[in-house]
């Protein structure tokens, strides 16, 4: 997943149904003598609205919590879409614009407090490690700033060659769980020693033969672009638009099945470039697989 030199301003056209990071705050500077408890937080996606519904499908959202021993204050840190999952996964086809229009930025959110009821009701709130204030938490905070300024685009899909665990991964996702895994790894590299507990994360996987590079927005949709390819990409994305009626939903669902399953086609937008995926069975799978907590490469820190 490519890193960028800066985060571009978002277009006013991109609107979120729910405000991104409504109570966000700056990450505090912790004192050297402080001892910080680190918690693994996980709950079903949109748990606040649908309860455990998506939890039954193992579609989970991940975050990390912190508790200061000096102040007693709790904090939550997570990474998610600025304009909700649908906008990050599929573009808008705007009138008068040839190229699909993407609202696909993601970012970190840090705020005071841990909503115990939210994480405990249908998910997980468990202590995973304990760290120092200045040398570990504050170093992590500087890394979060770098990570947030350079890793700016959300990517829903993992793309693999087959369901086999050792199969080639063509594209890796870049979403909430990957941010948490990067954070844990940074803490481990700083000396954190994690508890030996099982940790599972959600991945939405597409299965494809070797991807074919198509080009970027300019080379495909620009004045000298490939009009046939441009039309094919727009036609592919059209059924994924927000649905207005039950009838339209089923018509569009048939078109999606026709593209992806019957014709083995998927167009992926990744790192601001378009790729063609020759899809193959089982086409799509949601997995909830274990990813062990990391082991660092520095001398461990004891508290």
C-alpha atoms as a PDB file:
ATOM      1  CA  UNK A   1       0.000   0.000   0.000  1.00  0.00           C
ATOM      2  CA  UNK A   2       1.521   3.256  -1.183  1.00  0.00           C
ATOM      3  CA  UNK A   3       2.329   6.127   1.163  1.00  0.00           C
ATOM      4  CA  UNK A   4       1.791   9.726   0.071  1.00  0.00           C
ATOM      5  CA  UNK A   5       3.617  12.968   0.773  1.00  0.00           C
ATOM      6  CA  UNK A   6       0.568  14.800   2.106  1.00  0.00           C
ATOM      7  CA  UNK A   7      -3.153  14.469   2.710  1.00  0.00           C
ATOM      8  CA  UNK A   8      -5.232  16.308   0.074  1.00  0.00           C
ATOM      9  CA  UNK A   9      -8.267  18.368   1.036  1.00  0.00           C
ATOM     10  CA  UNK A  10     -11.542  16.513   0.744  1.00  0.00           C
ATOM     11  CA  UNK A  11     -14.078  17.605  -1.848  1.00  0.00           C
ATOM     12  CA  UNK A  12     -17.319  19.135  -0.467  1.00  0.00           C
ATOM     13  CA  UNK A  13     -19.198  16.620  -2.616  1.00  0.00           C
ATOM     14  CA  UNK A  14     -18.082  13.872  -0.206  1.00  0.00           C
ATOM     15  CA  UNK A  15     -20.578  13.749   2.625  1.00  0.00           C
ATOM     16  CA  UNK A  16     -20.836  11.364   5.586  1.00  0.00           C
ATOM     17  CA  UNK A  17     -24.097  10.238   7.112  1.00  0.00           C
ATOM     18  CA  UNK A  18     -22.299  10.101  10.449  1.00  0.00           C
ATOM     19  CA  UNK A  19     -19.614  12.665  11.268  1.00  0.00           C
ATOM     20  CA  UNK A  20     -16.046  11.406  11.298  1.00  0.00           C
ATOM     21  CA  UNK A  21     -14.434  11.542  14.762  1.00  0.00           C
ATOM     22  CA  UNK A  22     -17.024  13.913  16.308  1.00  0.00           C
ATOM     23  CA  UNK A  23     -15.317  14.142  19.732  1.00  0.00           C
ATOM     24  CA  UNK A  24     -11.724  13.833  18.553  1.00  0.00           C
ATOM     25  CA  UNK A  25      -8.884  15.428  20.520  1.00  0.00           C
ATOM     26  CA  UNK A  26      -5.121  15.772  20.379  1.00  0.00           C
ATOM     27  CA  UNK A  27      -3.056  12.864  21.707  1.00  0.00           C
ATOM     28  CA  UNK A  28      -1.783  13.940  25.162  1.00  0.00           C
ATOM     29  CA  UNK A  29       1.865  13.959  26.169  1.00  0.00           C
ATOM     30  CA  UNK A  30       2.410  11.374  28.886  1.00  0.00           C
ATOM     31  CA  UNK A  31       4.935  11.722  31.718  1.00  0.00           C
ATOM     32  CA  UNK A  32       7.949   9.457  32.060  1.00  0.00           C
ATOM     33  CA  UNK A  33       6.737   7.920  35.318  1.00  0.00           C
ATOM     34  CA  UNK A  34       3.284   7.137  33.912  1.00  0.00           C
ATOM     35  CA  UNK A  35       2.289   3.539  33.292  1.00  0.00           C
ATOM     36  CA  UNK A  36      -0.226   3.062  30.466  1.00  0.00           C
ATOM     37  CA  UNK A  37      -2.501   0.066  30.136  1.00  0.00           C
ATOM     38  CA  UNK A  38      -3.257  -0.894  26.519  1.00  0.00           C
ATOM     39  CA  UNK A  39      -6.569  -2.559  25.648  1.00  0.00           C
ATOM     40  CA  UNK A  40      -7.732  -4.440  22.591  1.00  0.00           C
ATOM     41  CA  UNK A  41     -11.156  -3.177  21.508  1.00  0.00           C
ATOM     42  CA  UNK A  42     -13.374  -4.924  18.972  1.00  0.00           C
ATOM     43  CA  UNK A  43     -17.098  -4.721  18.159  1.00  0.00           C
ATOM     44  CA  UNK A  44     -19.389  -5.501  15.216  1.00  0.00           C
ATOM     45  CA  UNK A  45     -19.354  -2.865  12.476  1.00  0.00           C
ATOM     46  CA  UNK A  46     -22.174  -0.341  13.063  1.00  0.00           C
ATOM     47  CA  UNK A  47     -22.868  -1.950  16.462  1.00  0.00           C
ATOM     48  CA  UNK A  48     -24.296   1.366  17.681  1.00  0.00           C
ATOM     49  CA  UNK A  49     -27.115   1.034  15.118  1.00  0.00           C
ATOM     50  CA  UNK A  50     -27.550  -2.692  14.402  1.00  0.00           C
ATOM     51  CA  UNK A  51     -26.233  -4.320  17.582  1.00  0.00           C
ATOM     52  CA  UNK A  52     -24.681  -7.745  16.950  1.00  0.00           C
ATOM     53  CA  UNK A  53     -26.187  -8.180  13.461  1.00  0.00           C
ATOM     54  CA  UNK A  54     -22.893  -7.834  11.554  1.00  0.00           C
ATOM     55  CA  UNK A  55     -21.118  -9.655  14.364  1.00  0.00           C
ATOM     56  CA  UNK A  56     -22.857 -12.850  13.283  1.00  0.00           C
ATOM     57  CA  UNK A  57     -21.073 -12.421   9.941  1.00  0.00           C
ATOM     58  CA  UNK A  58     -17.819 -11.688  11.786  1.00  0.00           C
ATOM     59  CA  UNK A  59     -17.632  -8.209  10.237  1.00  0.00           C
ATOM     60  CA  UNK A  60     -15.811  -6.485  13.071  1.00  0.00           C
ATOM     61  CA  UNK A  61     -14.342  -3.058  13.767  1.00  0.00           C
ATOM     62  CA  UNK A  62     -11.104  -2.740  15.732  1.00  0.00           C
ATOM     63  CA  UNK A  63      -9.678  -0.054  17.985  1.00  0.00           C
ATOM     64  CA  UNK A  64      -7.154   0.308  20.812  1.00  0.00           C
ATOM     65  CA  UNK A  65      -7.697   1.772  24.273  1.00  0.00           C
ATOM     66  CA  UNK A  66      -5.299   3.349  26.764  1.00  0.00           C
ATOM     67  CA  UNK A  67      -5.537   4.054  30.508  1.00  0.00           C
ATOM     68  CA  UNK A  68      -3.141   6.348  32.383  1.00  0.00           C
ATOM     69  CA  UNK A  69      -2.197   5.224  35.897  1.00  0.00           C
ATOM     70  CA  UNK A  70      -1.280   8.803  36.897  1.00  0.00           C
ATOM     71  CA  UNK A  71      -4.483  10.546  35.823  1.00  0.00           C
ATOM     72  CA  UNK A  72      -6.900   7.627  35.636  1.00  0.00           C
ATOM     73  CA  UNK A  73      -8.063   8.886  32.243  1.00  0.00           C
ATOM     74  CA  UNK A  74      -9.041   6.512  29.438  1.00  0.00           C
ATOM     75  CA  UNK A  75      -8.534   7.098  25.710  1.00  0.00           C
ATOM     76  CA  UNK A  76      -9.663   5.400  22.496  1.00  0.00           C
ATOM     77  CA  UNK A  77      -7.784   5.388  19.183  1.00  0.00           C
ATOM     78  CA  UNK A  78      -9.139   3.969  15.924  1.00  0.00           C
ATOM     79  CA  UNK A  79      -8.828   4.372  12.161  1.00  0.00           C
ATOM     80  CA  UNK A  80     -11.804   4.419   9.830  1.00  0.00           C
ATOM     81  CA  UNK A  81     -13.424   5.955   6.747  1.00  0.00           C
ATOM     82  CA  UNK A  82     -14.024   9.699   6.562  1.00  0.00           C
ATOM     83  CA  UNK A  83     -17.212   9.146   4.548  1.00  0.00           C
ATOM     84  CA  UNK A  84     -18.362   5.648   5.546  1.00  0.00           C
ATOM     85  CA  UNK A  85     -17.562   2.251   4.098  1.00  0.00           C
ATOM     86  CA  UNK A  86     -19.644   2.432   0.910  1.00  0.00           C
ATOM     87  CA  UNK A  87     -17.906   5.578  -0.304  1.00  0.00           C
ATOM     88  CA  UNK A  88     -14.495   3.999   0.304  1.00  0.00           C
ATOM     89  CA  UNK A  89     -15.384   0.797  -1.506  1.00  0.00           C
ATOM     90  CA  UNK A  90     -17.106   2.161  -4.616  1.00  0.00           C
ATOM     91  CA  UNK A  91     -17.049   5.525  -6.439  1.00  0.00           C
ATOM     92  CA  UNK A  92     -19.757   7.947  -7.474  1.00  0.00           C
ATOM     93  CA  UNK A  93     -20.576   8.371 -11.151  1.00  0.00           C
ATOM     94  CA  UNK A  94     -21.228  12.099 -11.303  1.00  0.00           C
ATOM     95  CA  UNK A  95     -23.035  13.771 -14.220  1.00  0.00           C
ATOM     96  CA  UNK A  96     -20.638  15.674 -16.446  1.00  0.00           C
ATOM     97  CA  UNK A  97     -17.577  13.857 -15.088  1.00  0.00           C
ATOM     98  CA  UNK A  98     -16.015  11.114 -17.169  1.00  0.00           C
ATOM     99  CA  UNK A  99     -13.944   9.521 -14.409  1.00  0.00           C
ATOM    100  CA  UNK A 100     -15.489   7.833 -11.357  1.00  0.00           C
ATOM    101  CA  UNK A 101     -15.320  10.120  -8.325  1.00  0.00           C
ATOM    102  CA  UNK A 102     -13.885   8.644  -5.115  1.00  0.00           C
ATOM    103  CA  UNK A 103     -14.518   9.673  -1.496  1.00  0.00           C
ATOM    104  CA  UNK A 104     -12.116   7.110  -0.092  1.00  0.00           C
ATOM    105  CA  UNK A 105      -9.923   8.751   2.527  1.00  0.00           C
ATOM    106  CA  UNK A 106      -9.463   7.125   5.918  1.00  0.00           C
ATOM    107  CA  UNK A 107      -7.831   8.557   9.025  1.00  0.00           C
ATOM    108  CA  UNK A 108      -7.007   8.003  12.691  1.00  0.00           C
ATOM    109  CA  UNK A 109      -9.295   9.278  15.414  1.00  0.00           C
ATOM    110  CA  UNK A 110      -8.195   9.805  19.025  1.00  0.00           C
ATOM    111  CA  UNK A 111     -10.557  10.844  21.806  1.00  0.00           C
ATOM    112  CA  UNK A 112     -10.848  10.755  25.576  1.00  0.00           C
ATOM    113  CA  UNK A 113     -12.842   7.943  27.150  1.00  0.00           C
ATOM    114  CA  UNK A 114     -13.601   4.303  26.409  1.00  0.00           C
ATOM    115  CA  UNK A 115     -17.246   3.401  25.811  1.00  0.00           C
ATOM    116  CA  UNK A 116     -17.226   0.195  27.841  1.00  0.00           C
ATOM    117  CA  UNK A 117     -20.815  -0.708  26.965  1.00  0.00           C
ATOM    118  CA  UNK A 118     -20.123  -0.408  23.221  1.00  0.00           C
ATOM    119  CA  UNK A 119     -17.091  -2.682  23.216  1.00  0.00           C
ATOM    120  CA  UNK A 120     -18.251  -5.171  25.858  1.00  0.00           C
ATOM    121  CA  UNK A 121     -21.868  -5.686  24.741  1.00  0.00           C
ATOM    122  CA  UNK A 122     -21.122  -7.674  21.593  1.00  0.00           C
ATOM    123  CA  UNK A 123     -17.360  -7.519  21.311  1.00  0.00           C
ATOM    124  CA  UNK A 124     -14.061  -7.375  23.181  1.00  0.00           C
ATOM    125  CA  UNK A 125     -12.365  -5.152  25.739  1.00  0.00           C
ATOM    126  CA  UNK A 126      -9.246  -6.860  27.080  1.00  0.00           C
ATOM    127  CA  UNK A 127      -5.863  -5.764  28.433  1.00  0.00           C
ATOM    128  CA  UNK A 128      -3.051  -6.763  26.050  1.00  0.00           C
ATOM    129  CA  UNK A 129       0.046  -4.990  27.404  1.00  0.00           C
ATOM    130  CA  UNK A 130       1.380  -2.246  29.663  1.00  0.00           C
ATOM    131  CA  UNK A 131       3.747   0.482  28.457  1.00  0.00           C
ATOM    132  CA  UNK A 132       5.681   3.487  29.768  1.00  0.00           C
ATOM    133  CA  UNK A 133       4.619   7.075  29.241  1.00  0.00           C
ATOM    134  CA  UNK A 134       7.337   9.127  27.566  1.00  0.00           C
ATOM    135  CA  UNK A 135       9.550   6.516  25.946  1.00  0.00           C
ATOM    136  CA  UNK A 136       6.736   4.362  24.537  1.00  0.00           C
ATOM    137  CA  UNK A 137       3.371   6.119  24.429  1.00  0.00           C
ATOM    138  CA  UNK A 138       4.790   9.450  23.255  1.00  0.00           C
ATOM    139  CA  UNK A 139       6.984   7.742  20.653  1.00  0.00           C
ATOM    140  CA  UNK A 140       3.933   5.867  19.426  1.00  0.00           C
ATOM    141  CA  UNK A 141       2.027   9.164  19.190  1.00  0.00           C
ATOM    142  CA  UNK A 142       4.692  10.595  16.871  1.00  0.00           C
ATOM    143  CA  UNK A 143       4.478   7.481  14.710  1.00  0.00           C
ATOM    144  CA  UNK A 144       0.664   7.788  14.555  1.00  0.00           C
ATOM    145  CA  UNK A 145       1.064  11.318  13.182  1.00  0.00           C
ATOM    146  CA  UNK A 146       3.398  10.071  10.439  1.00  0.00           C
ATOM    147  CA  UNK A 147       1.193   7.073   9.650  1.00  0.00           C
ATOM    148  CA  UNK A 148      -1.903   9.252   9.456  1.00  0.00           C
ATOM    149  CA  UNK A 149      -0.340  11.860   7.189  1.00  0.00           C
ATOM    150  CA  UNK A 150       1.082   9.376   4.694  1.00  0.00           C
ATOM    151  CA  UNK A 151      -1.361   6.420   4.661  1.00  0.00           C
ATOM    152  CA  UNK A 152      -4.506   8.249   3.628  1.00  0.00           C
ATOM    153  CA  UNK A 153      -6.680   6.015   1.454  1.00  0.00           C
ATOM    154  CA  UNK A 154      -8.996   3.325   2.787  1.00  0.00           C
ATOM    155  CA  UNK A 155      -8.980  -0.001   0.933  1.00  0.00           C
ATOM    156  CA  UNK A 156     -11.716  -2.522   1.707  1.00  0.00           C
ATOM    157  CA  UNK A 157     -10.538  -5.498  -0.318  1.00  0.00           C
ATOM    158  CA  UNK A 158      -7.809  -8.053   0.155  1.00  0.00           C
ATOM    159  CA  UNK A 159      -7.195  -9.811  -3.194  1.00  0.00           C
ATOM    160  CA  UNK A 160      -5.746 -13.333  -3.216  1.00  0.00           C
ATOM    161  CA  UNK A 161      -5.052 -16.014  -5.790  1.00  0.00           C
ATOM    162  CA  UNK A 162      -6.970 -18.698  -3.855  1.00  0.00           C
ATOM    163  CA  UNK A 163      -8.428 -19.516  -0.400  1.00  0.00           C
ATOM    164  CA  UNK A 164      -5.236 -21.381   0.485  1.00  0.00           C
ATOM    165  CA  UNK A 165      -3.454 -19.616   3.365  1.00  0.00           C
ATOM    166  CA  UNK A 166      -0.164 -19.725   1.450  1.00  0.00           C
ATOM    167  CA  UNK A 167      -1.655 -18.316  -1.759  1.00  0.00           C
ATOM    168  CA  UNK A 168      -0.342 -15.163  -3.412  1.00  0.00           C
ATOM    169  CA  UNK A 169      -1.776 -11.918  -2.032  1.00  0.00           C
ATOM    170  CA  UNK A 170      -2.131  -9.566  -4.983  1.00  0.00           C
ATOM    171  CA  UNK A 171      -3.439  -6.610  -2.957  1.00  0.00           C
ATOM    172  CA  UNK A 172      -3.693  -6.084   0.781  1.00  0.00           C
ATOM    173  CA  UNK A 173      -6.513  -4.187   2.455  1.00  0.00           C
ATOM    174  CA  UNK A 174      -5.893  -0.953   4.337  1.00  0.00           C
ATOM    175  CA  UNK A 175      -8.574  -0.518   6.978  1.00  0.00           C
ATOM    176  CA  UNK A 176      -9.188  -0.352  10.738  1.00  0.00           C
ATOM    177  CA  UNK A 177      -7.658  -3.699  11.676  1.00  0.00           C
ATOM    178  CA  UNK A 178      -4.467  -3.016   9.706  1.00  0.00           C
ATOM    179  CA  UNK A 179      -4.004   0.249  11.624  1.00  0.00           C
ATOM    180  CA  UNK A 180      -4.380  -1.584  14.932  1.00  0.00           C
ATOM    181  CA  UNK A 181      -1.901  -4.250  13.819  1.00  0.00           C
ATOM    182  CA  UNK A 182       0.576  -1.527  12.798  1.00  0.00           C
ATOM    183  CA  UNK A 183       0.104   0.168  16.176  1.00  0.00           C
ATOM    184  CA  UNK A 184       0.706  -3.055  18.087  1.00  0.00           C
ATOM    185  CA  UNK A 185       3.826  -3.710  16.009  1.00  0.00           C
ATOM    186  CA  UNK A 186       5.141  -0.208  16.732  1.00  0.00           C
ATOM    187  CA  UNK A 187       4.601  -0.720  20.460  1.00  0.00           C
ATOM    188  CA  UNK A 188       6.343  -4.102  20.266  1.00  0.00           C
ATOM    189  CA  UNK A 189       9.276  -2.504  18.455  1.00  0.00           C
ATOM    190  CA  UNK A 190       9.464   0.055  21.276  1.00  0.00           C
ATOM    191  CA  UNK A 191       9.638  -2.765  23.816  1.00  0.00           C
ATOM    192  CA  UNK A 192       6.069  -3.650  24.727  1.00  0.00           C
ATOM    193  CA  UNK A 193       5.520  -7.262  25.749  1.00  0.00           C
ATOM    194  CA  UNK A 194       2.070  -8.523  24.776  1.00  0.00           C
ATOM    195  CA  UNK A 195       0.003 -11.094  26.619  1.00  0.00           C
ATOM    196  CA  UNK A 196      -0.439 -14.500  25.021  1.00  0.00           C
ATOM    197  CA  UNK A 197      -4.074 -14.265  23.981  1.00  0.00           C
ATOM    198  CA  UNK A 198      -5.800 -15.127  20.719  1.00  0.00           C
ATOM    199  CA  UNK A 199      -6.621 -12.159  18.488  1.00  0.00           C
ATOM    200  CA  UNK A 200      -8.757 -12.480  15.355  1.00  0.00           C
ATOM    201  CA  UNK A 201      -9.505  -9.908  12.650  1.00  0.00           C
ATOM    202  CA  UNK A 202     -11.930  -9.582   9.758  1.00  0.00           C
ATOM    203  CA  UNK A 203     -10.820  -9.641   6.124  1.00  0.00           C
ATOM    204  CA  UNK A 204     -13.039  -9.345   3.046  1.00  0.00           C
ATOM    205  CA  UNK A 205     -11.235 -11.278   0.315  1.00  0.00           C
ATOM    206  CA  UNK A 206     -11.689 -11.296  -3.451  1.00  0.00           C
ATOM    207  CA  UNK A 207     -10.243 -14.259  -5.362  1.00  0.00           C
ATOM    208  CA  UNK A 208      -8.594 -13.502  -8.677  1.00  0.00           C
ATOM    209  CA  UNK A 209      -6.063 -14.677 -11.210  1.00  0.00           C
ATOM    210  CA  UNK A 210      -3.067 -12.427 -11.839  1.00  0.00           C
ATOM    211  CA  UNK A 211      -4.296  -8.797 -11.978  1.00  0.00           C
ATOM    212  CA  UNK A 212      -3.870  -6.739 -15.137  1.00  0.00           C
ATOM    213  CA  UNK A 213      -2.716  -3.133 -14.820  1.00  0.00           C
ATOM    214  CA  UNK A 214      -4.984  -0.718 -16.696  1.00  0.00           C
ATOM    215  CA  UNK A 215      -3.684   2.780 -15.915  1.00  0.00           C
ATOM    216  CA  UNK A 216      -4.606   5.822 -13.865  1.00  0.00           C
ATOM    217  CA  UNK A 217      -7.451   8.312 -14.156  1.00  0.00           C
ATOM    218  CA  UNK A 218      -5.704  10.451 -16.782  1.00  0.00           C
ATOM    219  CA  UNK A 219      -4.541   7.608 -19.010  1.00  0.00           C
ATOM    220  CA  UNK A 220      -7.988   5.972 -19.018  1.00  0.00           C
ATOM    221  CA  UNK A 221     -10.471   8.845 -18.739  1.00  0.00           C
ATOM    222  CA  UNK A 222      -8.420  11.810 -19.994  1.00  0.00           C
ATOM    223  CA  UNK A 223      -8.625  13.411 -23.465  1.00  0.00           C
ATOM    224  CA  UNK A 224      -6.216  10.831 -24.876  1.00  0.00           C
ATOM    225  CA  UNK A 225      -7.684   7.989 -22.830  1.00  0.00           C
ATOM    226  CA  UNK A 226      -9.174   4.649 -23.749  1.00  0.00           C
ATOM    227  CA  UNK A 227     -12.884   5.336 -24.262  1.00  0.00           C
ATOM    228  CA  UNK A 228     -13.811   1.658 -24.513  1.00  0.00           C
ATOM    229  CA  UNK A 229     -12.072   0.820 -21.250  1.00  0.00           C
ATOM    230  CA  UNK A 230     -13.492   3.934 -19.583  1.00  0.00           C
ATOM    231  CA  UNK A 231     -17.019   2.898 -20.549  1.00  0.00           C
ATOM    232  CA  UNK A 232     -16.417  -0.651 -19.248  1.00  0.00           C
ATOM    233  CA  UNK A 233     -15.233   0.642 -15.863  1.00  0.00           C
ATOM    234  CA  UNK A 234     -18.173   3.016 -15.524  1.00  0.00           C
ATOM    235  CA  UNK A 235     -20.563   0.217 -16.506  1.00  0.00           C
ATOM    236  CA  UNK A 236     -19.028  -2.038 -13.848  1.00  0.00           C
ATOM    237  CA  UNK A 237     -19.391   0.524 -11.049  1.00  0.00           C
ATOM    238  CA  UNK A 238     -22.883   1.681 -12.009  1.00  0.00           C
ATOM    239  CA  UNK A 239     -24.799  -1.126 -10.172  1.00  0.00           C
ATOM    240  CA  UNK A 240     -23.015  -0.281  -6.911  1.00  0.00           C
ATOM    241  CA  UNK A 241     -24.602   3.168  -6.676  1.00  0.00           C
ATOM    242  CA  UNK A 242     -26.901   3.895  -3.691  1.00  0.00           C
ATOM    243  CA  UNK A 243     -30.218   2.161  -4.294  1.00  0.00           C
ATOM    244  CA  UNK A 244     -33.530   3.987  -4.511  1.00  0.00           C
ATOM    245  CA  UNK A 245     -36.013   1.108  -4.538  1.00  0.00           C
ATOM    246  CA  UNK A 246     -36.313  -2.632  -3.982  1.00  0.00           C
ATOM    247  CA  UNK A 247     -36.802  -3.199  -7.716  1.00  0.00           C
ATOM    248  CA  UNK A 248     -33.630  -1.259  -8.589  1.00  0.00           C
ATOM    249  CA  UNK A 249     -31.714  -3.213  -5.957  1.00  0.00           C
ATOM    250  CA  UNK A 250     -32.553  -6.575  -7.527  1.00  0.00           C
ATOM    251  CA  UNK A 251     -31.849  -5.297 -11.048  1.00  0.00           C
ATOM    252  CA  UNK A 252     -28.458  -4.022  -9.938  1.00  0.00           C
ATOM    253  CA  UNK A 253     -27.752  -7.196  -7.965  1.00  0.00           C
ATOM    254  CA  UNK A 254     -28.258  -9.235 -11.134  1.00  0.00           C
ATOM    255  CA  UNK A 255     -25.837  -6.944 -12.979  1.00  0.00           C
ATOM    256  CA  UNK A 256     -23.237  -7.423 -10.234  1.00  0.00           C
ATOM    257  CA  UNK A 257     -23.612 -11.210 -10.401  1.00  0.00           C
ATOM    258  CA  UNK A 258     -23.347 -11.026 -14.185  1.00  0.00           C
ATOM    259  CA  UNK A 259     -20.100  -9.026 -14.018  1.00  0.00           C
ATOM    260  CA  UNK A 260     -18.342 -10.768 -11.138  1.00  0.00           C
ATOM    261  CA  UNK A 261     -19.493 -14.392 -11.286  1.00  0.00           C
ATOM    262  CA  UNK A 262     -20.757 -15.067 -14.796  1.00  0.00           C
ATOM    263  CA  UNK A 263     -18.152 -12.957 -16.623  1.00  0.00           C
ATOM    264  CA  UNK A 264     -15.385 -13.125 -13.985  1.00  0.00           C
ATOM    265  CA  UNK A 265     -14.808  -9.351 -13.997  1.00  0.00           C
ATOM    266  CA  UNK A 266     -13.853  -6.905 -11.270  1.00  0.00           C
ATOM    267  CA  UNK A 267     -12.257  -3.472 -11.585  1.00  0.00           C
ATOM    268  CA  UNK A 268     -10.140  -2.501  -8.585  1.00  0.00           C
ATOM    269  CA  UNK A 269      -9.018   1.040  -7.745  1.00  0.00           C
ATOM    270  CA  UNK A 270      -5.828   0.820  -5.698  1.00  0.00           C
ATOM    271  CA  UNK A 271      -3.161   3.477  -5.025  1.00  0.00           C
ATOM    272  CA  UNK A 272      -4.977   5.809  -7.480  1.00  0.00           C
ATOM    273  CA  UNK A 273      -4.657   3.238 -10.293  1.00  0.00           C
ATOM    274  CA  UNK A 274      -7.089   0.842 -11.937  1.00  0.00           C
ATOM    275  CA  UNK A 275      -6.568  -2.899 -12.213  1.00  0.00           C
ATOM    276  CA  UNK A 276      -8.614  -5.636 -13.861  1.00  0.00           C
ATOM    277  CA  UNK A 277      -9.176  -8.733 -11.725  1.00  0.00           C
ATOM    278  CA  UNK A 278      -9.988 -11.973 -13.599  1.00  0.00           C
ATOM    279  CA  UNK A 279     -12.265 -13.331 -10.872  1.00  0.00           C
ATOM    280  CA  UNK A 280     -12.459 -16.994  -9.967  1.00  0.00           C
ATOM    281  CA  UNK A 281     -14.331 -19.211  -7.517  1.00  0.00           C
ATOM    282  CA  UNK A 282     -15.215 -18.717  -4.685  1.00  0.00           C
ATOM    283  CA  UNK A 283     -15.102 -15.034  -5.800  1.00  0.00           C
ATOM    284  CA  UNK A 284     -15.584 -13.482  -2.346  1.00  0.00           C
ATOM    285  CA  UNK A 285     -15.190 -14.631   1.222  1.00  0.00           C
ATOM    286  CA  UNK A 286     -15.366 -12.970   4.646  1.00  0.00           C
ATOM    287  CA  UNK A 287     -12.841 -14.525   7.016  1.00  0.00           C
ATOM    288  CA  UNK A 288     -12.217 -14.010  10.716  1.00  0.00           C
ATOM    289  CA  UNK A 289      -8.703 -15.269  11.153  1.00  0.00           C
ATOM    290  CA  UNK A 290      -6.189 -15.210  13.961  1.00  0.00           C
ATOM    291  CA  UNK A 291      -3.277 -12.795  13.702  1.00  0.00           C
ATOM    292  CA  UNK A 292      -0.999 -13.239  16.740  1.00  0.00           C
ATOM    293  CA  UNK A 293       0.042 -10.271  18.825  1.00  0.00           C
ATOM    294  CA  UNK A 294       3.529  -9.156  17.782  1.00  0.00           C
ATOM    295  CA  UNK A 295       6.940  -9.733  19.240  1.00  0.00           C
ATOM    296  CA  UNK A 296       9.230  -6.722  19.225  1.00  0.00           C
ATOM    297  CA  UNK A 297      12.840  -6.376  18.179  1.00  0.00           C
ATOM    298  CA  UNK A 298      14.027  -4.359  21.186  1.00  0.00           C
ATOM    299  CA  UNK A 299      14.770  -5.294  24.763  1.00  0.00           C
ATOM    300  CA  UNK A 300      11.467  -5.648  26.597  1.00  0.00           C
ATOM    301  CA  UNK A 301      10.205  -2.995  28.970  1.00  0.00           C
ATOM    302  CA  UNK A 302       9.067  -4.199  32.399  1.00  0.00           C
ATOM    303  CA  UNK A 303       6.696  -2.427  34.753  1.00  0.00           C
END
